[in-house]
Amino acid sequence: MATTSEAPETTQEEQGVLSLNEAFQTYVRQMPQDTKKSAQPEIAKFVRWMGSERLIDSIIPSEIGDYNDIFGAKTATRDATERLSAVKLFLTFLKKKDFIEVNLAQHLRLRKSRTSAAAKAVAAENQTRSVRLTQSGYNEMTKQLAQLQEERIRIVEDIQRAAADGDVRENAPLEAAREAQGMTIGKIQELEATLKVAVIIDAKDQDDTRVHIGSKVELTETSSDKTVKYQLVEPNEANPLASKISIVSPVGSAILGHKLGDEVKVKTPRGQQVYKISKTS
């Protein structure tokens, strides 16, 4: 009588879909002993803050920026650099191993750099080119800008109240309000620079026979028949949680310009995968 045996279960790591905690454990196993003692607690704190069981490819750059703002601002500059550098190396490892598509490490930096240099870099880049956005992406950025402008007014009021409380040289609320003001102004500058040169994508001007910026596509993995749905957007608008992927991401760059029914090869943590473009709109 023939017997059947079940195929051995594969781990999330083998499938290329890791939780944040699994990615953390993978990283710790290859860490040098001389750095593990100091770095491991800082990375563990980051994992707990983000959510240990969430998938690593669901983390978006703005969350890294929020972590940077909260924990990088609570310590002296030198100490903050040392603490954040451990997390940054962890994020760099994830990108190097192709566990994530987006280089999240570049969004982890000290507050001063994030609120001034980053805004200037975005503004300088945008001055030399237009930024193509979907209508929904443009609307979302406009809404976010309005919210930040209202927040800036509230922060000014906080600064005025804190300044009236006494010695400004040892006034923690005043310092916190000023730091919040700098961060908010930096974000406002980035959004204003982007919206200033934004061009709304007009579907009538696109070649409907090929995948283009703004296209909504359904991809079928040929080896498993699993399907995923994405909208292709510029990097400024990318948001994996909303299924919006950048044209420079591995999947985005692979399908850009292709037609319905085409099969494309994409490098993933599981190796090279083949996807068929099964639907476009």
Protein backbone atom coordinates (compact mmCIF):
# COMPACT_ATOMS: atom_id res chain seq x y z
CA MET A 1 0.00 0.00 0.00
CA ALA A 2 1.45 3.33 -1.04
CA THR A 3 2.06 5.86 1.65
CA THR A 4 2.09 9.58 1.33
CA SER A 5 4.17 12.00 3.27
CA GLU A 6 3.55 15.64 3.81
CA ALA A 7 6.05 18.10 2.46
CA PRO A 8 8.12 19.68 5.23
CA GLU A 9 6.89 23.07 6.28
CA THR A 10 9.00 25.99 5.23
CA THR A 11 9.79 28.84 7.56
CA GLN A 12 8.92 32.42 6.79
CA GLU A 13 12.63 33.09 6.32
CA GLU A 14 12.85 30.38 3.65
CA GLN A 15 9.79 31.82 1.94
CA GLY A 16 11.26 35.31 2.06
CA VAL A 17 8.42 36.72 4.19
CA LEU A 18 9.91 37.47 7.58
CA SER A 19 8.37 39.00 10.65
CA LEU A 20 10.39 41.75 12.27
CA ASN A 21 11.29 39.45 15.15
CA GLU A 22 12.49 36.70 12.79
CA ALA A 23 14.61 39.21 10.90
CA PHE A 24 16.03 40.38 14.25
CA GLN A 25 16.95 36.82 15.24
CA THR A 26 18.57 36.24 11.84
CA TYR A 27 20.65 39.38 12.24
CA VAL A 28 21.69 38.62 15.81
CA ARG A 29 23.03 35.20 14.82
CA GLN A 30 25.63 36.77 12.54
CA MET A 31 26.59 39.70 14.81
CA PRO A 32 30.16 39.83 16.17
CA GLN A 33 30.29 39.07 19.88
CA ASP A 34 32.09 42.31 20.70
CA THR A 35 29.19 44.44 19.41
CA LYS A 36 26.25 42.19 20.27
CA LYS A 37 26.07 43.19 23.95
CA SER A 38 25.60 46.90 23.25
CA ALA A 39 23.70 46.74 19.96
CA GLN A 40 21.21 43.95 20.64
CA PRO A 41 19.15 45.83 23.29
CA GLU A 42 18.79 48.86 21.01
CA ILE A 43 17.60 46.75 18.09
CA ALA A 44 15.24 44.82 20.38
CA LYS A 45 13.70 48.14 21.48
CA PHE A 46 13.18 49.08 17.84
CA VAL A 47 11.53 45.70 17.13
CA ARG A 48 9.14 46.08 20.09
CA TRP A 49 8.25 49.63 19.08
CA MET A 50 7.48 48.66 15.47
CA GLY A 51 5.69 45.42 16.39
CA SER A 52 7.64 42.19 16.56
CA GLU A 53 5.15 40.08 14.59
CA ARG A 54 4.52 42.43 11.68
CA LEU A 55 6.09 41.60 8.31
CA ILE A 56 9.22 43.57 7.55
CA ASP A 57 8.06 44.57 4.07
CA SER A 58 5.12 46.45 5.62
CA ILE A 59 7.37 49.04 7.30
CA ILE A 60 7.35 52.40 5.52
CA PRO A 61 9.96 55.21 5.58
CA SER A 62 7.78 57.61 7.57
CA GLU A 63 7.68 55.13 10.47
CA ILE A 64 11.48 55.05 10.52
CA GLY A 65 11.45 58.83 10.59
CA ASP A 66 9.02 58.81 13.51
CA TYR A 67 11.25 56.40 15.45
CA ASN A 68 14.22 58.64 14.73
CA ASP A 69 12.36 61.70 15.99
CA ILE A 70 11.17 60.05 19.21
CA PHE A 71 14.26 58.16 20.34
CA GLY A 72 16.98 60.19 18.67
CA ALA A 73 15.82 63.37 20.37
CA LYS A 74 15.73 61.97 23.91
CA THR A 75 19.48 61.69 24.35
CA ALA A 76 22.60 63.76 23.83
CA THR A 77 23.79 63.96 20.24
CA ARG A 78 26.70 61.54 20.63
CA ASP A 79 24.65 59.01 22.58
CA ALA A 80 21.79 59.26 20.10
CA THR A 81 24.17 58.57 17.24
CA GLU A 82 25.49 55.43 18.91
CA ARG A 83 22.01 54.17 19.73
CA LEU A 84 20.55 54.80 16.31
CA SER A 85 23.59 53.43 14.49
CA ALA A 86 22.82 49.93 15.81
CA VAL A 87 19.32 50.07 14.33
CA LYS A 88 20.65 51.58 11.11
CA LEU A 89 23.08 48.67 10.65
CA PHE A 90 20.19 46.26 11.18
CA LEU A 91 18.11 47.99 8.48
CA THR A 92 21.12 48.04 6.16
CA PHE A 93 21.47 44.29 6.67
CA LEU A 94 17.82 43.73 5.68
CA LYS A 95 18.28 45.66 2.44
CA LYS A 96 21.61 43.98 1.65
CA LYS A 97 19.98 40.56 2.01
CA ASP A 98 17.04 41.67 -0.19
CA PHE A 99 14.58 41.07 2.65
CA ILE A 100 13.12 44.51 1.93
CA GLU A 101 12.82 46.51 -1.28
CA VAL A 102 13.18 49.99 0.20
CA ASN A 103 16.41 51.19 1.80
CA LEU A 104 14.91 52.10 5.17
CA ALA A 105 18.32 52.79 6.73
CA GLN A 106 18.63 56.07 4.86
CA HIS A 107 15.60 57.41 6.74
CA LEU A 108 17.25 56.88 10.14
CA ARG A 109 19.36 59.87 11.00
CA LEU A 110 19.65 62.56 13.64
CA ARG A 111 16.89 65.12 13.92
CA LYS A 112 19.06 68.01 12.76
CA SER A 113 19.94 66.24 9.53
CA ARG A 114 16.38 65.17 8.92
CA THR A 115 14.85 68.60 9.32
CA SER A 116 17.37 70.62 7.36
CA ALA A 117 19.64 68.65 5.06
CA ALA A 118 16.88 66.26 3.96
CA ALA A 119 14.50 69.08 3.12
CA LYS A 120 17.20 70.94 1.20
CA ALA A 121 18.15 67.81 -0.71
CA VAL A 122 14.55 67.17 -1.73
CA ALA A 123 14.08 70.80 -2.75
CA ALA A 124 17.30 70.81 -4.80
CA GLU A 125 16.36 67.58 -6.55
CA ASN A 126 12.84 68.74 -7.30
CA GLN A 127 14.07 72.00 -8.80
CA THR A 128 15.69 70.04 -11.62
CA ARG A 129 12.76 67.81 -12.52
CA SER A 130 9.02 67.47 -12.31
CA VAL A 131 7.39 64.93 -10.03
CA ARG A 132 4.55 62.89 -11.49
CA LEU A 133 1.83 62.06 -8.99
CA THR A 134 -1.50 60.31 -9.16
CA GLN A 135 -4.48 62.47 -8.28
CA SER A 136 -5.00 60.56 -5.03
CA GLY A 137 -1.33 60.97 -4.13
CA TYR A 138 -1.45 64.70 -4.80
CA ASN A 139 -4.60 65.05 -2.70
CA GLU A 140 -3.03 63.12 0.19
CA MET A 141 0.11 65.29 0.16
CA THR A 142 -2.01 68.45 0.06
CA LYS A 143 -4.03 67.22 3.03
CA GLN A 144 -0.88 66.36 4.96
CA LEU A 145 0.59 69.80 4.22
CA ALA A 146 -2.51 71.53 5.57
CA GLN A 147 -2.36 69.45 8.75
CA LEU A 148 1.31 70.28 9.27
CA GLN A 149 0.68 73.99 8.77
CA GLU A 150 -2.00 73.85 11.47
CA GLU A 151 0.40 71.93 13.68
CA ARG A 152 3.07 74.59 13.18
CA ILE A 153 0.69 77.24 14.54
CA ARG A 154 -0.01 75.12 17.63
CA ILE A 155 3.71 74.61 18.19
CA VAL A 156 4.33 78.36 18.07
CA GLU A 157 1.75 78.74 20.84
CA ASP A 158 3.50 75.98 22.82
CA ILE A 159 6.81 77.82 22.45
CA GLN A 160 5.27 81.06 23.68
CA ARG A 161 3.78 79.35 26.74
CA ALA A 162 7.00 77.49 27.53
CA ALA A 163 9.11 80.63 27.15
CA ALA A 164 6.94 82.40 29.70
CA ASP A 165 7.62 79.75 32.33
CA GLY A 166 11.07 80.95 33.38
CA ASP A 167 14.74 80.42 32.57
CA VAL A 168 14.97 79.47 28.89
CA ARG A 169 18.43 77.93 29.46
CA GLU A 170 16.95 75.05 31.48
CA ASN A 171 13.49 74.75 30.04
CA ALA A 172 12.78 71.23 28.76
CA PRO A 173 9.27 72.00 27.42
CA LEU A 174 10.66 74.94 25.46
CA GLU A 175 13.46 72.84 23.98
CA ALA A 176 11.02 70.07 23.05
CA ALA A 177 8.69 72.56 21.38
CA ARG A 178 11.54 74.09 19.40
CA GLU A 179 12.67 70.66 18.22
CA ALA A 180 9.11 69.81 17.19
CA GLN A 181 8.96 73.09 15.32
CA GLY A 182 12.14 72.28 13.40
CA MET A 183 10.86 68.83 12.46
CA THR A 184 7.49 70.17 11.32
CA ILE A 185 9.04 72.94 9.25
CA GLY A 186 11.33 70.42 7.58
CA LYS A 187 8.40 68.22 6.59
CA ILE A 188 6.47 71.24 5.32
CA GLN A 189 9.43 72.27 3.17
CA GLU A 190 9.70 68.79 1.68
CA LEU A 191 6.00 68.66 0.80
CA GLU A 192 5.95 72.19 -0.59
CA ALA A 193 8.98 71.47 -2.76
CA THR A 194 7.34 68.32 -4.13
CA LEU A 195 3.91 69.85 -4.73
CA LYS A 196 5.46 72.90 -6.41
CA VAL A 197 6.76 70.80 -9.29
CA ALA A 198 4.09 68.09 -9.21
CA VAL A 199 2.44 67.04 -12.45
CA ILE A 200 -0.84 65.13 -12.13
CA ILE A 201 -0.85 62.00 -14.26
CA ASP A 202 -3.57 62.16 -16.89
CA ALA A 203 -4.72 58.68 -17.87
CA LYS A 204 -5.67 59.99 -21.33
CA ASP A 205 -2.02 60.77 -22.05
CA GLN A 206 -0.83 57.26 -21.16
CA ASP A 207 -0.42 54.22 -23.37
CA ASP A 208 -3.15 51.96 -22.00
CA THR A 209 -1.57 48.93 -23.65
CA ARG A 210 1.47 49.12 -21.36
CA VAL A 211 2.11 49.41 -17.62
CA HIS A 212 2.89 53.03 -16.74
CA ILE A 213 3.05 55.31 -13.70
CA GLY A 214 -0.41 55.27 -12.18
CA SER A 215 -1.29 51.83 -13.56
CA LYS A 216 -3.08 49.39 -11.27
CA VAL A 217 -1.89 45.87 -11.96
CA GLU A 218 -2.57 42.36 -10.80
CA LEU A 219 0.39 40.00 -10.91
CA THR A 220 0.21 36.22 -10.78
CA GLU A 221 3.20 34.26 -9.52
CA THR A 222 3.63 31.51 -12.11
CA SER A 223 5.02 28.96 -9.65
CA SER A 224 2.11 29.17 -7.20
CA ASP A 225 -0.74 31.06 -8.93
CA LYS A 226 -0.77 33.52 -6.02
CA THR A 227 -1.85 37.01 -7.02
CA VAL A 228 -0.89 40.46 -5.74
CA LYS A 229 -2.24 43.86 -6.66
CA TYR A 230 -0.21 47.06 -6.91
CA GLN A 231 -0.38 50.58 -8.20
CA LEU A 232 2.80 51.88 -9.82
CA VAL A 233 3.87 55.33 -8.58
CA GLU A 234 6.85 57.68 -8.28
CA PRO A 235 9.12 57.12 -5.21
CA ASN A 236 7.64 60.22 -3.50
CA GLU A 237 4.23 58.57 -3.41
CA ALA A 238 5.25 54.96 -2.65
CA ASN A 239 3.42 53.35 0.28
CA PRO A 240 3.53 49.54 0.58
CA LEU A 241 0.69 49.58 3.12
CA ALA A 242 -1.56 51.07 0.44
CA SER A 243 -0.14 48.70 -2.22
CA LYS A 244 1.58 51.60 -3.98
CA ILE A 245 5.04 50.56 -5.17
CA SER A 246 7.78 52.71 -6.62
CA ILE A 247 8.86 52.49 -10.25
CA VAL A 248 12.42 51.98 -8.98
CA SER A 249 11.54 49.02 -6.74
CA PRO A 250 12.43 45.53 -8.02
CA VAL A 251 8.83 44.72 -8.94
CA GLY A 252 8.00 48.19 -10.21
CA SER A 253 11.02 48.48 -12.48
CA ALA A 254 10.42 44.95 -13.81
CA ILE A 255 6.82 45.52 -14.92
CA LEU A 256 7.13 49.13 -16.12
CA GLY A 257 6.51 49.32 -19.87
CA HIS A 258 5.25 45.75 -20.17
CA LYS A 259 1.87 44.67 -21.55
CA LEU A 260 -1.02 42.57 -20.30
CA GLY A 261 -0.06 38.90 -20.46
CA ASP A 262 3.70 39.53 -20.32
CA GLU A 263 5.82 37.50 -17.93
CA VAL A 264 8.57 39.31 -16.02
CA LYS A 265 11.41 38.10 -13.83
CA VAL A 266 11.89 39.71 -10.41
CA LYS A 267 14.70 39.18 -7.91
CA THR A 268 13.22 38.45 -4.46
CA PRO A 269 14.54 37.10 -1.11
CA ARG A 270 13.38 33.66 -2.32
CA GLY A 271 15.41 33.98 -5.48
CA GLN A 272 14.26 34.92 -8.95
CA GLN A 273 10.48 34.80 -9.35
CA VAL A 274 8.40 34.97 -12.51
CA TYR A 275 5.19 36.98 -12.53
CA LYS A 276 2.54 37.25 -15.21
CA ILE A 277 0.72 40.55 -15.67
CA SER A 278 -2.83 39.24 -15.42
CA LYS A 279 -4.77 42.52 -15.14
CA THR A 280 -4.11 46.21 -15.75
CA SER A 281 -6.19 49.34 -15.42
